Amino acid sequence: MKKNLWAKTILYVYKYLENIADAIDRMIDRQALNSFYYSSSNQTDNGVLAVSERIIELGERKKKLINIKVLADRALETCEIENAQILIEKYIDGGKSDEIALRHEMPVRTYFRRLVQAEEEFLFQLATYGYTENKITEYLKGEKWINEVYNRFLCKSAVENDEISEYQLLRAI
């Protein structure tokens, strides 16, 4: 059972998006500066067209990551305040469930129910901006590191729901 996997994934990677966008900027700068050292033996890699294509590809990648960050910000802003706070504390700040439950003065079981509700609300808000789970999957298909996080949540969910044993999971990896 896939339970709110894109919500968990986007919120988990949120804290890394700005750093990766900055790293992409540095890669673009390096590509542009290194293109100055053009040699005829390296024509296909350092030609104007090849360098331009790599810079455009990196720019598109950065734009995609910034769009996901802005989308997550908007979705969190439109979520119920306590739900947004729980999501931020859990996924972005990396808080432990029992500590978050204690801070919000709720039993741990209630916290887990509330966490699922918050994830569902976050996904609903993403969908209101046109980003359904299928759209997110398509939009982020080229971001291997984000898809790796998604697959980890998927595997964890499969183990928790007894759809696969930990032994089967380890053998599959």
C-alpha atoms as a PDB file:
ATOM      1  CA  MET A   1       0.000   0.000   0.000  1.00  0.00           C
ATOM      2  CA  LYS A   2       1.480   3.345  -1.053  1.00  0.00           C
ATOM      3  CA  LYS A   3       0.609   5.781   1.687  1.00  0.00           C
ATOM      4  CA  ASN A   4       1.421   9.428   1.036  1.00  0.00           C
ATOM      5  CA  LEU A   5       4.839   8.567  -0.372  1.00  0.00           C
ATOM      6  CA  TRP A   6       5.227  11.727  -2.439  1.00  0.00           C
ATOM      7  CA  ALA A   7       4.270  13.890   0.538  1.00  0.00           C
ATOM      8  CA  LYS A   8       6.943  12.216   2.654  1.00  0.00           C
ATOM      9  CA  THR A   9       9.494  12.383  -0.147  1.00  0.00           C
ATOM     10  CA  ILE A  10       8.997  16.048  -1.016  1.00  0.00           C
ATOM     11  CA  LEU A  11       9.015  17.107   2.616  1.00  0.00           C
ATOM     12  CA  TYR A  12      12.112  15.012   3.356  1.00  0.00           C
ATOM     13  CA  VAL A  13      14.143  16.392   0.417  1.00  0.00           C
ATOM     14  CA  TYR A  14      12.883  19.944   0.982  1.00  0.00           C
ATOM     15  CA  LYS A  15      15.826  20.899   3.193  1.00  0.00           C
ATOM     16  CA  TYR A  16      18.298  19.883   0.465  1.00  0.00           C
ATOM     17  CA  LEU A  17      16.675  21.635  -2.495  1.00  0.00           C
ATOM     18  CA  GLU A  18      18.269  25.036  -1.960  1.00  0.00           C
ATOM     19  CA  ASN A  19      21.761  23.566  -1.505  1.00  0.00           C
ATOM     20  CA  ILE A  20      21.420  21.483  -4.648  1.00  0.00           C
ATOM     21  CA  ALA A  21      20.163  24.492  -6.603  1.00  0.00           C
ATOM     22  CA  ASP A  22      23.265  26.388  -5.423  1.00  0.00           C
ATOM     23  CA  ALA A  23      25.472  23.472  -6.472  1.00  0.00           C
ATOM     24  CA  ILE A  24      23.850  23.517  -9.903  1.00  0.00           C
ATOM     25  CA  ASP A  25      24.687  27.224 -10.172  1.00  0.00           C
ATOM     26  CA  ARG A  26      28.323  26.410  -9.459  1.00  0.00           C
ATOM     27  CA  MET A  27      28.244  23.639 -12.072  1.00  0.00           C
ATOM     28  CA  ILE A  28      26.853  26.081 -14.627  1.00  0.00           C
ATOM     29  CA  ASP A  29      29.616  28.554 -13.812  1.00  0.00           C
ATOM     30  CA  ARG A  30      32.240  25.819 -14.164  1.00  0.00           C
ATOM     31  CA  GLN A  31      30.788  24.674 -17.481  1.00  0.00           C
ATOM     32  CA  ALA A  32      30.874  28.222 -18.828  1.00  0.00           C
ATOM     33  CA  LEU A  33      34.387  28.958 -17.558  1.00  0.00           C
ATOM     34  CA  ASN A  34      35.811  25.620 -18.685  1.00  0.00           C
ATOM     35  CA  SER A  35      34.418  26.110 -22.161  1.00  0.00           C
ATOM     36  CA  PHE A  36      37.077  28.795 -22.590  1.00  0.00           C
ATOM     37  CA  TYR A  37      39.722  26.072 -22.663  1.00  0.00           C
ATOM     38  CA  TYR A  38      38.541  24.699 -25.964  1.00  0.00           C
ATOM     39  CA  SER A  39      40.802  22.257 -27.751  1.00  0.00           C
ATOM     40  CA  SER A  40      40.234  20.649 -31.108  1.00  0.00           C
ATOM     41  CA  SER A  41      40.747  17.155 -29.664  1.00  0.00           C
ATOM     42  CA  ASN A  42      37.860  17.726 -27.283  1.00  0.00           C
ATOM     43  CA  GLN A  43      35.563  19.393 -29.787  1.00  0.00           C
ATOM     44  CA  THR A  44      32.459  17.322 -29.124  1.00  0.00           C
ATOM     45  CA  ASP A  45      32.629  17.863 -25.349  1.00  0.00           C
ATOM     46  CA  ASN A  46      33.684  21.516 -25.344  1.00  0.00           C
ATOM     47  CA  GLY A  47      31.993  22.811 -28.461  1.00  0.00           C
ATOM     48  CA  VAL A  48      29.668  25.743 -28.057  1.00  0.00           C
ATOM     49  CA  LEU A  49      26.617  23.606 -28.770  1.00  0.00           C
ATOM     50  CA  ALA A  50      27.567  20.870 -26.279  1.00  0.00           C
ATOM     51  CA  VAL A  51      28.389  23.361 -23.509  1.00  0.00           C
ATOM     52  CA  SER A  52      25.210  25.331 -24.198  1.00  0.00           C
ATOM     53  CA  GLU A  53      23.105  22.156 -24.031  1.00  0.00           C
ATOM     54  CA  ARG A  54      24.674  21.142 -20.700  1.00  0.00           C
ATOM     55  CA  ILE A  55      24.107  24.625 -19.258  1.00  0.00           C
ATOM     56  CA  ILE A  56      20.483  24.659 -20.441  1.00  0.00           C
ATOM     57  CA  GLU A  57      19.924  21.160 -19.009  1.00  0.00           C
ATOM     58  CA  LEU A  58      21.374  22.202 -15.646  1.00  0.00           C
ATOM     59  CA  GLY A  59      19.256  25.372 -15.685  1.00  0.00           C
ATOM     60  CA  GLU A  60      16.114  23.325 -16.328  1.00  0.00           C
ATOM     61  CA  ARG A  61      17.027  20.982 -13.513  1.00  0.00           C
ATOM     62  CA  LYS A  62      17.500  23.908 -11.129  1.00  0.00           C
ATOM     63  CA  LYS A  63      14.174  25.396 -12.194  1.00  0.00           C
ATOM     64  CA  LYS A  64      12.456  22.077 -11.495  1.00  0.00           C
ATOM     65  CA  LEU A  65      13.933  21.864  -7.975  1.00  0.00           C
ATOM     66  CA  ILE A  66      13.014  25.464  -7.174  1.00  0.00           C
ATOM     67  CA  ASN A  67       9.476  24.834  -8.432  1.00  0.00           C
ATOM     68  CA  ILE A  68       9.158  21.844  -6.092  1.00  0.00           C
ATOM     69  CA  LYS A  69      10.397  23.957  -3.159  1.00  0.00           C
ATOM     70  CA  VAL A  70       7.947  26.775  -3.958  1.00  0.00           C
ATOM     71  CA  LEU A  71       5.146  24.234  -4.407  1.00  0.00           C
ATOM     72  CA  ALA A  72       5.932  22.669  -1.019  1.00  0.00           C
ATOM     73  CA  ASP A  73       5.999  26.132   0.600  1.00  0.00           C
ATOM     74  CA  ARG A  74       2.590  26.990  -0.844  1.00  0.00           C
ATOM     75  CA  ALA A  75       1.100  23.644   0.144  1.00  0.00           C
ATOM     76  CA  LEU A  76       2.397  23.998   3.717  1.00  0.00           C
ATOM     77  CA  GLU A  77       1.043  27.554   3.913  1.00  0.00           C
ATOM     78  CA  THR A  78      -2.436  26.359   2.950  1.00  0.00           C
ATOM     79  CA  CYS A  79      -2.452  23.361   5.296  1.00  0.00           C
ATOM     80  CA  GLU A  80      -3.984  23.592   8.739  1.00  0.00           C
ATOM     81  CA  ILE A  81      -1.407  25.241  11.009  1.00  0.00           C
ATOM     82  CA  GLU A  82      -0.908  22.276  13.354  1.00  0.00           C
ATOM     83  CA  ASN A  83      -0.700  19.854  10.423  1.00  0.00           C
ATOM     84  CA  ALA A  84       1.919  22.014   8.728  1.00  0.00           C
ATOM     85  CA  GLN A  85       3.869  22.272  11.984  1.00  0.00           C
ATOM     86  CA  ILE A  86       3.852  18.490  12.455  1.00  0.00           C
ATOM     87  CA  LEU A  87       5.048  17.943   8.877  1.00  0.00           C
ATOM     88  CA  ILE A  88       7.830  20.492   9.244  1.00  0.00           C
ATOM     89  CA  GLU A  89       8.989  19.073  12.571  1.00  0.00           C
ATOM     90  CA  LYS A  90       8.884  15.479  11.313  1.00  0.00           C
ATOM     91  CA  TYR A  91      10.310  15.678   7.812  1.00  0.00           C
ATOM     92  CA  ILE A  92      12.140  18.968   7.414  1.00  0.00           C
ATOM     93  CA  ASP A  93      13.577  19.277  10.923  1.00  0.00           C
ATOM     94  CA  GLY A  94      13.974  15.486  11.313  1.00  0.00           C
ATOM     95  CA  GLY A  95      12.309  15.336  14.728  1.00  0.00           C
ATOM     96  CA  LYS A  96      11.507  12.117  16.537  1.00  0.00           C
ATOM     97  CA  SER A  97       7.854  11.145  16.696  1.00  0.00           C
ATOM     98  CA  ASP A  98       7.640  10.815  20.475  1.00  0.00           C
ATOM     99  CA  GLU A  99       9.237  14.247  20.971  1.00  0.00           C
ATOM    100  CA  ILE A 100       6.893  15.871  18.461  1.00  0.00           C
ATOM    101  CA  ALA A 101       3.875  14.246  20.134  1.00  0.00           C
ATOM    102  CA  LEU A 102       5.059  15.520  23.509  1.00  0.00           C
ATOM    103  CA  ARG A 103       5.550  19.074  22.178  1.00  0.00           C
ATOM    104  CA  HIS A 104       2.032  19.042  20.752  1.00  0.00           C
ATOM    105  CA  GLU A 105       0.652  17.539  23.964  1.00  0.00           C
ATOM    106  CA  MET A 106      -0.898  14.520  22.303  1.00  0.00           C
ATOM    107  CA  PRO A 107      -0.546  10.767  22.800  1.00  0.00           C
ATOM    108  CA  VAL A 108       1.835   9.070  20.355  1.00  0.00           C
ATOM    109  CA  ARG A 109      -1.008   7.118  18.718  1.00  0.00           C
ATOM    110  CA  THR A 110      -2.920  10.345  18.146  1.00  0.00           C
ATOM    111  CA  TYR A 111       0.242  11.895  16.745  1.00  0.00           C
ATOM    112  CA  PHE A 112       0.602   9.111  14.151  1.00  0.00           C
ATOM    113  CA  ARG A 113      -3.044   9.480  13.104  1.00  0.00           C
ATOM    114  CA  ARG A 114      -2.543  13.236  12.866  1.00  0.00           C
ATOM    115  CA  LEU A 115       0.664  12.756  10.858  1.00  0.00           C
ATOM    116  CA  VAL A 116      -1.191  10.659   8.271  1.00  0.00           C
ATOM    117  CA  GLN A 117      -3.937  13.296   8.097  1.00  0.00           C
ATOM    118  CA  ALA A 118      -1.323  16.019   7.656  1.00  0.00           C
ATOM    119  CA  GLU A 119       0.396  14.084   4.847  1.00  0.00           C
ATOM    120  CA  GLU A 120      -2.954  13.582   3.133  1.00  0.00           C
ATOM    121  CA  GLU A 121      -3.780  17.273   3.463  1.00  0.00           C
ATOM    122  CA  PHE A 122      -0.367  18.179   2.043  1.00  0.00           C
ATOM    123  CA  LEU A 123      -0.964  15.880  -0.950  1.00  0.00           C
ATOM    124  CA  PHE A 124      -4.413  17.406  -1.418  1.00  0.00           C
ATOM    125  CA  GLN A 125      -2.895  20.890  -1.444  1.00  0.00           C
ATOM    126  CA  LEU A 126      -0.299  19.776  -4.012  1.00  0.00           C
ATOM    127  CA  ALA A 127      -3.128  18.424  -6.159  1.00  0.00           C
ATOM    128  CA  THR A 128      -4.982  21.749  -5.945  1.00  0.00           C
ATOM    129  CA  TYR A 129      -1.944  23.310  -7.616  1.00  0.00           C
ATOM    130  CA  GLY A 130      -2.135  20.669 -10.329  1.00  0.00           C
ATOM    131  CA  TYR A 131       0.487  18.305  -8.927  1.00  0.00           C
ATOM    132  CA  THR A 132      -1.198  14.966  -8.465  1.00  0.00           C
ATOM    133  CA  GLU A 133       0.906  11.934  -7.583  1.00  0.00           C
ATOM    134  CA  ASN A 134       1.115  10.962 -11.275  1.00  0.00           C
ATOM    135  CA  LYS A 135       2.152  14.494 -12.273  1.00  0.00           C
ATOM    136  CA  ILE A 136       4.835  14.564  -9.550  1.00  0.00           C
ATOM    137  CA  THR A 137       6.137  11.165 -10.664  1.00  0.00           C
ATOM    138  CA  GLU A 138       6.413  12.401 -14.240  1.00  0.00           C
ATOM    139  CA  TYR A 139       7.837  15.792 -13.254  1.00  0.00           C
ATOM    140  CA  LEU A 140      10.585  14.319 -11.084  1.00  0.00           C
ATOM    141  CA  LYS A 141      11.446  11.229 -13.114  1.00  0.00           C
ATOM    142  CA  GLY A 142      14.886  12.612 -14.016  1.00  0.00           C
ATOM    143  CA  GLU A 143      15.858  13.393 -10.418  1.00  0.00           C
ATOM    144  CA  LYS A 144      17.405  10.085  -9.410  1.00  0.00           C
ATOM    145  CA  TRP A 145      18.249  11.173  -5.879  1.00  0.00           C
ATOM    146  CA  ILE A 146      14.637  12.191  -5.175  1.00  0.00           C
ATOM    147  CA  ASN A 147      13.345   8.955  -6.679  1.00  0.00           C
ATOM    148  CA  GLU A 148      15.783   7.062  -4.458  1.00  0.00           C
ATOM    149  CA  VAL A 149      14.240   8.722  -1.389  1.00  0.00           C
ATOM    150  CA  TYR A 150      10.773   7.862  -2.738  1.00  0.00           C
ATOM    151  CA  ASN A 151      11.809   4.217  -3.203  1.00  0.00           C
ATOM    152  CA  ARG A 152      13.148   4.061   0.356  1.00  0.00           C
ATOM    153  CA  PHE A 153       9.796   5.257   1.684  1.00  0.00           C
ATOM    154  CA  LEU A 154       8.096   2.730  -0.619  1.00  0.00           C
ATOM    155  CA  CYS A 155      10.232  -0.126   0.713  1.00  0.00           C
ATOM    156  CA  LYS A 156       9.703   0.960   4.298  1.00  0.00           C
ATOM    157  CA  SER A 157       5.957   1.092   3.691  1.00  0.00           C
ATOM    158  CA  ALA A 158       5.980  -2.388   2.126  1.00  0.00           C
ATOM    159  CA  VAL A 159       7.818  -3.834   5.133  1.00  0.00           C
ATOM    160  CA  GLU A 160       5.530  -2.061   7.626  1.00  0.00           C
ATOM    161  CA  ASN A 161       2.430  -3.371   5.840  1.00  0.00           C
ATOM    162  CA  ASP A 162       3.805  -6.925   5.648  1.00  0.00           C
ATOM    163  CA  GLU A 163       3.726  -6.786   1.861  1.00  0.00           C
ATOM    164  CA  ILE A 164       7.353  -7.862   1.838  1.00  0.00           C
ATOM    165  CA  SER A 165       9.661  -9.205   4.531  1.00  0.00           C
ATOM    166  CA  GLU A 166      12.858  -7.423   5.477  1.00  0.00           C
ATOM    167  CA  TYR A 167      14.736 -10.480   4.199  1.00  0.00           C
ATOM    168  CA  GLN A 168      13.051 -10.197   0.764  1.00  0.00           C
ATOM    169  CA  LEU A 169      13.787  -6.495   0.723  1.00  0.00           C
ATOM    170  CA  LEU A 170      17.481  -7.040   1.446  1.00  0.00           C
ATOM    171  CA  ARG A 171      17.686  -9.703  -1.269  1.00  0.00           C
ATOM    172  CA  ALA A 172      16.053  -7.328  -3.768  1.00  0.00           C
ATOM    173  CA  ILE A 173      18.624  -4.642  -3.037  1.00  0.00           C
END
